[in-house]
């Protein structure tokens, strides 16, 4: 099975593709640029780099193989593990490993992995079909020499007498428009003397009558009693129980529900009581166990990771 083909396919849609036990391929975006020395315009590109320290299993590559081939999660994981061991052994023996359309791997004299990406491959989907091209600037063109046409107004078209006559008519009219509102009550609002709601006055009179009757019925103690001021009994507020946070140890995230159920069967055979949930991104996550606090969940994750690498803790 050509696992390299699955890696190439994932690099077009993901920024990071990890081969568990070997390393991670990272896509780095570079915007479009112009080489002024050669007059060449280059489209946006996404170049691939390699980091041998990213070796944990995020489930992406294994899930892709399982979905494409129909294998269960355990068999797909074993295929990837054998693929990683084979590459590592070839590099330790001084060999060269070629990933088609990705790059070349070799070991240096310090026994560290060196990766040389293929220069002519662009994994940026938005640049599909775009190739670098040269542009030739227009010679002997000076923007300062553009012809401009100046339009001169004829002063005879605007006689001074007509302008003065219009000003003599408009100035008194504007003065009247300013003085009339200041000297009269023509534009003053009448909201204070009347109400837009005819029921407001009646409601006020009824309230005043009720207050007068309450005062007259009060005992002669010198204190006026308002029946509206009654004792208010406070209802005790019962505090609702606060739900404590729970933390789950997740051992796998799958795009296919069938693969997630296969993983659950593996956990059950190991003595766990797993649970299946659907994440916001549509993936099926398998929770091996649930803890009441974060510290216990982290300890459980460390022990579970020995058997299921790549496990992580998530707040429920």
Foldseek 3Di string as FASTA:
>chain_A
DPLLVLVLVVLLPDQWDALAPFWIKGWDKDAWDADVVQQKTFHIFTAIDIDRVPHFCQFPSLQSVCVVPVDASVVSNVVSVVVRVVVLVCQVVQHKDDRPQFWIWHADPVRDIDTDGDDPHGSHVVCPPPDMDGDDDDPPDDPVPDDDDDDDDDPVVPDPVVVVVVVVVPVVVVVVVVVVVVPDCPPPDPCVVDPPDPCPVVVVVVVVVLQVVQQVPDDPPVDGDDVVDDDDDDDDDDDDDDDAKKKFKWLHKHLDVVNVVVVCVVLVVVPFDKDWDADPVRIIIITRDMDRDDVVNVVVNVVVCVVRTPIDMDID
